[in-house]
Amino acid sequence: MRTRYKILIGVGVTAAVGATTAFVGSKAVIDKVSRYRKRLAVKSFVKDKLHGNQKALELVDQLSDADVNNLLTAADRLTQLKDKLGEHADNLPDMMDDLRQTLMAYATKVKEKL
C-alpha cells in the first residue's frame, strides 16, 4: 500500500473519530447547559418572588436536577392556572350579579311560601 493511501485512511479515521467525539460531546454540553438554564430560572424566580432570600438561593444550589425540573413543572402549572383564572376574572362582576339575582329570586320564593 502506498504512503499516500495510508495517509488518506488515517485522515479519514481521524475525521470519523473526531466527528463522533464532537457529536457525543455536544450532546453532553447541551444537556449541561440545559440543566444550568433551568437552575437559573429557579434562582430568578426566587429572586423575584422571594426578594432574593439568601437561604432560599442556597437551597436552590443544593437541589438535584430532578427537584429543579419538578419545581419548574409546578411553576408552569400554576402559571396555566393563573391564566385560566384570569380569563374568568373578567366575567366575575357579571357572574356575581347573576348569583345575587338568583339568590334574591330564591329568597323571594321562600318568603312567599312562608
N, C-alpha and C. Protein backbone atom coordinates (compact mmCIF):
# COMPACT_ATOMS: atom_id res chain seq x y z
N MET A 1 0.84 -1.16 0.00
CA MET A 1 0.00 0.00 0.00
C MET A 1 0.89 1.23 0.00
N ARG A 2 0.49 2.18 -0.75
CA ARG A 2 1.30 3.39 -0.84
C ARG A 2 1.11 4.27 0.40
N THR A 3 2.07 5.09 0.62
CA THR A 3 2.04 6.01 1.75
C THR A 3 0.87 6.98 1.61
N ARG A 4 0.60 7.34 0.41
CA ARG A 4 -0.48 8.29 0.13
C ARG A 4 -1.83 7.72 0.60
N TYR A 5 -2.08 6.45 0.33
CA TYR A 5 -3.33 5.82 0.74
C TYR A 5 -3.38 5.65 2.26
N LYS A 6 -2.24 5.35 2.86
CA LYS A 6 -2.19 5.22 4.31
C LYS A 6 -2.54 6.55 4.98
N ILE A 7 -2.04 7.62 4.42
CA ILE A 7 -2.32 8.95 4.97
C ILE A 7 -3.80 9.27 4.81
N LEU A 8 -4.38 8.96 3.64
CA LEU A 8 -5.80 9.21 3.42
C LEU A 8 -6.67 8.40 4.38
N ILE A 9 -6.30 7.13 4.59
CA ILE A 9 -7.05 6.30 5.53
C ILE A 9 -6.92 6.86 6.95
N GLY A 10 -5.73 7.27 7.33
CA GLY A 10 -5.51 7.86 8.65
C GLY A 10 -6.31 9.13 8.85
N VAL A 11 -6.33 9.99 7.83
CA VAL A 11 -7.09 11.23 7.91
C VAL A 11 -8.58 10.91 8.00
N GLY A 12 -9.04 9.92 7.22
CA GLY A 12 -10.46 9.54 7.26
C GLY A 12 -10.88 9.00 8.61
N VAL A 13 -10.06 8.13 9.18
CA VAL A 13 -10.37 7.57 10.50
C VAL A 13 -10.35 8.67 11.55
N THR A 14 -9.38 9.55 11.47
CA THR A 14 -9.29 10.67 12.42
C THR A 14 -10.51 11.57 12.32
N ALA A 15 -10.97 11.85 11.10
CA ALA A 15 -12.15 12.67 10.91
C ALA A 15 -13.39 11.99 11.47
N ALA A 16 -13.51 10.68 11.26
CA ALA A 16 -14.67 9.95 11.78
C ALA A 16 -14.69 9.95 13.30
N VAL A 17 -13.52 9.70 13.90
CA VAL A 17 -13.44 9.71 15.36
C VAL A 17 -13.72 11.11 15.90
N GLY A 18 -13.19 12.11 15.24
CA GLY A 18 -13.43 13.50 15.66
C GLY A 18 -14.89 13.88 15.57
N ALA A 19 -15.56 13.46 14.49
CA ALA A 19 -16.98 13.77 14.33
C ALA A 19 -17.81 13.07 15.40
N THR A 20 -17.49 11.83 15.69
CA THR A 20 -18.20 11.08 16.73
C THR A 20 -18.00 11.74 18.09
N THR A 21 -16.78 12.11 18.38
CA THR A 21 -16.48 12.77 19.65
C THR A 21 -17.21 14.10 19.75
N ALA A 22 -17.23 14.86 18.68
CA ALA A 22 -17.92 16.15 18.68
C ALA A 22 -19.42 15.96 18.91
N PHE A 23 -19.99 14.93 18.27
CA PHE A 23 -21.42 14.67 18.43
C PHE A 23 -21.76 14.29 19.86
N VAL A 24 -21.02 13.36 20.42
CA VAL A 24 -21.26 12.93 21.80
C VAL A 24 -20.97 14.07 22.76
N GLY A 25 -19.90 14.78 22.53
CA GLY A 25 -19.54 15.90 23.40
C GLY A 25 -20.54 17.02 23.33
N SER A 26 -21.06 17.30 22.16
CA SER A 26 -22.02 18.39 22.03
C SER A 26 -23.33 18.05 22.73
N LYS A 27 -23.73 16.78 22.70
CA LYS A 27 -24.94 16.37 23.42
C LYS A 27 -24.76 16.56 24.91
N ALA A 28 -23.60 16.21 25.41
CA ALA A 28 -23.31 16.39 26.83
C ALA A 28 -23.30 17.87 27.20
N VAL A 29 -22.73 18.68 26.34
CA VAL A 29 -22.68 20.13 26.60
C VAL A 29 -24.09 20.71 26.56
N ILE A 30 -24.90 20.28 25.61
CA ILE A 30 -26.27 20.78 25.51
C ILE A 30 -27.06 20.40 26.77
N ASP A 31 -26.90 19.17 27.25
CA ASP A 31 -27.58 18.74 28.47
C ASP A 31 -27.14 19.57 29.67
N LYS A 32 -25.84 19.81 29.76
CA LYS A 32 -25.32 20.58 30.89
C LYS A 32 -25.83 22.02 30.85
N VAL A 33 -25.84 22.62 29.68
CA VAL A 33 -26.34 23.99 29.54
C VAL A 33 -27.83 24.05 29.87
N SER A 34 -28.57 23.03 29.45
CA SER A 34 -30.00 22.98 29.74
C SER A 34 -30.25 22.91 31.24
N ARG A 35 -29.51 22.07 31.94
CA ARG A 35 -29.65 21.97 33.40
C ARG A 35 -29.28 23.29 34.06
N TYR A 36 -28.25 23.94 33.58
CA TYR A 36 -27.81 25.22 34.13
C TYR A 36 -28.88 26.30 33.94
N ARG A 37 -29.49 26.34 32.75
CA ARG A 37 -30.53 27.33 32.47
C ARG A 37 -31.76 27.10 33.35
N LYS A 38 -32.11 25.84 33.59
CA LYS A 38 -33.25 25.54 34.45
C LYS A 38 -32.99 26.00 35.87
N ARG A 39 -31.77 25.75 36.35
CA ARG A 39 -31.41 26.17 37.70
C ARG A 39 -31.43 27.70 37.81
N LEU A 40 -30.96 28.38 36.76
CA LEU A 40 -31.01 29.84 36.76
C LEU A 40 -32.45 30.35 36.75
N ALA A 41 -33.34 29.63 36.07
CA ALA A 41 -34.76 30.03 36.06
C ALA A 41 -35.35 29.94 37.46
N VAL A 42 -35.00 28.89 38.20
CA VAL A 42 -35.50 28.76 39.57
C VAL A 42 -34.90 29.86 40.45
N LYS A 43 -33.62 30.13 40.27
CA LYS A 43 -33.00 31.21 41.04
C LYS A 43 -33.63 32.56 40.72
N SER A 44 -33.94 32.78 39.47
CA SER A 44 -34.59 34.03 39.08
C SER A 44 -35.97 34.15 39.73
N PHE A 45 -36.69 33.03 39.78
CA PHE A 45 -37.99 33.02 40.44
C PHE A 45 -37.85 33.37 41.92
N VAL A 46 -36.84 32.78 42.57
CA VAL A 46 -36.61 33.06 43.99
C VAL A 46 -36.27 34.53 44.18
N LYS A 47 -35.44 35.07 43.30
CA LYS A 47 -35.07 36.48 43.42
C LYS A 47 -36.27 37.39 43.24
N ASP A 48 -37.13 37.07 42.29
CA ASP A 48 -38.28 37.93 42.01
C ASP A 48 -39.37 37.79 43.08
N LYS A 49 -39.75 36.58 43.38
CA LYS A 49 -40.90 36.35 44.26
C LYS A 49 -40.55 36.36 45.74
N LEU A 50 -39.34 35.95 46.08
CA LEU A 50 -38.94 35.90 47.49
C LEU A 50 -37.93 36.99 47.84
N HIS A 51 -37.83 37.97 46.97
CA HIS A 51 -36.97 39.14 47.20
C HIS A 51 -35.53 38.77 47.47
N GLY A 52 -35.02 37.77 46.76
CA GLY A 52 -33.61 37.40 46.85
C GLY A 52 -33.21 36.78 48.18
N ASN A 53 -34.12 36.06 48.82
CA ASN A 53 -33.83 35.42 50.10
C ASN A 53 -32.60 34.52 49.96
N GLN A 54 -31.58 34.82 50.74
CA GLN A 54 -30.30 34.12 50.61
C GLN A 54 -30.42 32.64 50.96
N LYS A 55 -31.22 32.31 51.97
CA LYS A 55 -31.37 30.91 52.36
C LYS A 55 -32.07 30.12 51.25
N ALA A 56 -33.05 30.75 50.61
CA ALA A 56 -33.75 30.07 49.51
C ALA A 56 -32.81 29.87 48.32
N LEU A 57 -31.96 30.86 48.04
CA LEU A 57 -31.00 30.71 46.95
C LEU A 57 -29.99 29.60 47.25
N GLU A 58 -29.57 29.49 48.49
CA GLU A 58 -28.66 28.40 48.87
C GLU A 58 -29.35 27.05 48.75
N LEU A 59 -30.64 27.03 49.06
CA LEU A 59 -31.40 25.79 48.93
C LEU A 59 -31.50 25.36 47.47
N VAL A 60 -31.67 26.32 46.58
CA VAL A 60 -31.73 26.01 45.15
C VAL A 60 -30.41 25.39 44.69
N ASP A 61 -29.30 25.87 45.22
CA ASP A 61 -28.00 25.30 44.86
C ASP A 61 -27.87 23.85 45.30
N GLN A 62 -28.57 23.46 46.36
CA GLN A 62 -28.47 22.11 46.88
C GLN A 62 -29.47 21.14 46.25
N LEU A 63 -30.42 21.66 45.48
CA LEU A 63 -31.43 20.79 44.87
C LEU A 63 -30.83 19.94 43.76
N SER A 64 -31.39 18.75 43.60
CA SER A 64 -30.97 17.90 42.49
C SER A 64 -31.63 18.39 41.21
N ASP A 65 -31.16 17.88 40.08
CA ASP A 65 -31.74 18.27 38.80
C ASP A 65 -33.20 17.85 38.70
N ALA A 66 -33.54 16.70 39.27
CA ALA A 66 -34.93 16.23 39.25
C ALA A 66 -35.82 17.18 40.06
N ASP A 67 -35.32 17.66 41.20
CA ASP A 67 -36.08 18.60 42.02
C ASP A 67 -36.30 19.92 41.28
N VAL A 68 -35.28 20.38 40.59
CA VAL A 68 -35.39 21.62 39.81
C VAL A 68 -36.43 21.44 38.71
N ASN A 69 -36.42 20.29 38.04
CA ASN A 69 -37.42 20.02 37.00
C ASN A 69 -38.82 20.00 37.58
N ASN A 70 -38.98 19.38 38.76
CA ASN A 70 -40.29 19.34 39.42
C ASN A 70 -40.77 20.74 39.78
N LEU A 71 -39.88 21.57 40.27
CA LEU A 71 -40.26 22.94 40.61
C LEU A 71 -40.71 23.72 39.37
N LEU A 72 -39.98 23.55 38.28
CA LEU A 72 -40.34 24.26 37.05
C LEU A 72 -41.67 23.75 36.50
N THR A 73 -41.91 22.45 36.61
CA THR A 73 -43.19 21.89 36.17
C THR A 73 -44.34 22.45 37.01
N ALA A 74 -44.14 22.51 38.30
CA ALA A 74 -45.17 23.07 39.19
C ALA A 74 -45.41 24.54 38.88
N ALA A 75 -44.35 25.28 38.62
CA ALA A 75 -44.50 26.69 38.28
C ALA A 75 -45.26 26.88 36.97
N ASP A 76 -44.99 26.01 36.00
CA ASP A 76 -45.73 26.09 34.73
C ASP A 76 -47.21 25.81 34.94
N ARG A 77 -47.52 24.82 35.77
CA ARG A 77 -48.92 24.50 36.05
C ARG A 77 -49.61 25.65 36.77
N LEU A 78 -48.92 26.27 37.72
CA LEU A 78 -49.51 27.41 38.42
C LEU A 78 -49.73 28.59 37.47
N THR A 79 -48.82 28.78 36.55
CA THR A 79 -48.98 29.86 35.57
C THR A 79 -50.19 29.59 34.68
N GLN A 80 -50.36 28.34 34.26
CA GLN A 80 -51.53 27.99 33.45
C GLN A 80 -52.82 28.20 34.24
N LEU A 81 -52.82 27.83 35.52
CA LEU A 81 -54.00 28.03 36.36
C LEU A 81 -54.29 29.51 36.52
N LYS A 82 -53.25 30.30 36.71
CA LYS A 82 -53.43 31.75 36.84
C LYS A 82 -54.03 32.33 35.56
N ASP A 83 -53.55 31.86 34.41
CA ASP A 83 -54.10 32.33 33.14
C ASP A 83 -55.57 31.96 32.99
N LYS A 84 -55.92 30.73 33.38
CA LYS A 84 -57.32 30.32 33.30
C LYS A 84 -58.20 31.16 34.22
N LEU A 85 -57.71 31.41 35.43
CA LEU A 85 -58.48 32.24 36.35
C LEU A 85 -58.58 33.67 35.84
N GLY A 86 -57.52 34.14 35.19
CA GLY A 86 -57.55 35.50 34.63
C GLY A 86 -58.59 35.63 33.54
N GLU A 87 -58.80 34.58 32.76
CA GLU A 87 -59.82 34.62 31.72
C GLU A 87 -61.21 34.75 32.32
N HIS A 88 -61.43 34.07 33.45
CA HIS A 88 -62.74 34.10 34.08
C HIS A 88 -62.92 35.32 34.98
N ALA A 89 -61.85 35.96 35.38
CA ALA A 89 -61.94 37.11 36.27
C ALA A 89 -62.61 38.29 35.57
N ASP A 90 -62.51 38.37 34.26
CA ASP A 90 -63.18 39.45 33.54
C ASP A 90 -64.69 39.33 33.65
N ASN A 91 -65.19 38.12 33.75
CA ASN A 91 -66.63 37.88 33.83
C ASN A 91 -67.13 37.86 35.27
N LEU A 92 -66.25 38.01 36.23
CA LEU A 92 -66.62 37.88 37.64
C LEU A 92 -67.71 38.85 38.07
N PRO A 93 -67.67 40.14 37.74
CA PRO A 93 -68.76 41.03 38.16
C PRO A 93 -70.12 40.59 37.61
N ASP A 94 -70.15 40.17 36.37
CA ASP A 94 -71.41 39.72 35.79
C ASP A 94 -71.90 38.44 36.48
N MET A 95 -70.96 37.55 36.75
CA MET A 95 -71.34 36.30 37.42
C MET A 95 -71.85 36.58 38.82
N MET A 96 -71.24 37.51 39.53
CA MET A 96 -71.69 37.86 40.88
C MET A 96 -73.07 38.50 40.84
N ASP A 97 -73.31 39.33 39.85
CA ASP A 97 -74.63 39.95 39.70
C ASP A 97 -75.69 38.90 39.42
N ASP A 98 -75.39 37.95 38.54
CA ASP A 98 -76.32 36.86 38.25
C ASP A 98 -76.59 36.03 39.50
N LEU A 99 -75.56 35.75 40.28
CA LEU A 99 -75.72 34.99 41.51
C LEU A 99 -76.59 35.76 42.51
N ARG A 100 -76.35 37.05 42.61
CA ARG A 100 -77.15 37.87 43.53
C ARG A 100 -78.61 37.86 43.13
N GLN A 101 -78.87 38.01 41.83
CA GLN A 101 -80.25 38.00 41.35
C GLN A 101 -80.90 36.64 41.59
N THR A 102 -80.17 35.57 41.38
CA THR A 102 -80.71 34.23 41.61
C THR A 102 -81.03 34.03 43.09
N LEU A 103 -80.14 34.47 43.96
CA LEU A 103 -80.38 34.33 45.40
C LEU A 103 -81.56 35.19 45.85
N MET A 104 -81.66 36.38 45.29
CA MET A 104 -82.79 37.25 45.64
C MET A 104 -84.11 36.62 45.19
N ALA A 105 -84.11 36.04 43.99
CA ALA A 105 -85.33 35.39 43.49
C ALA A 105 -85.68 34.20 44.37
N TYR A 106 -84.70 33.44 44.78
CA TYR A 106 -84.94 32.29 45.65
C TYR A 106 -85.46 32.75 47.00
N ALA A 107 -84.86 33.81 47.56
CA ALA A 107 -85.32 34.33 48.85
C ALA A 107 -86.76 34.82 48.75
N THR A 108 -87.10 35.44 47.64
CA THR A 108 -88.48 35.93 47.44
C THR A 108 -89.45 34.75 47.40
N LYS A 109 -89.08 33.68 46.71
CA LYS A 109 -89.96 32.50 46.65
C LYS A 109 -90.12 31.87 48.02
N VAL A 110 -89.06 31.82 48.80
CA VAL A 110 -89.13 31.25 50.14
C VAL A 110 -90.04 32.08 51.01
N LYS A 111 -89.95 33.42 50.93
CA LYS A 111 -90.80 34.32 51.71
C LYS A 111 -92.26 34.15 51.34
N GLU A 112 -92.54 33.97 50.05
CA GLU A 112 -93.91 33.81 49.59
C GLU A 112 -94.52 32.52 50.13
N LYS A 113 -93.75 31.48 50.25
CA LYS A 113 -94.24 30.21 50.73
C LYS A 113 -94.47 30.22 52.24
N LEU A 114 -93.76 31.09 52.94
CA LEU A 114 -93.93 31.17 54.39
C LEU A 114 -95.12 31.99 54.68
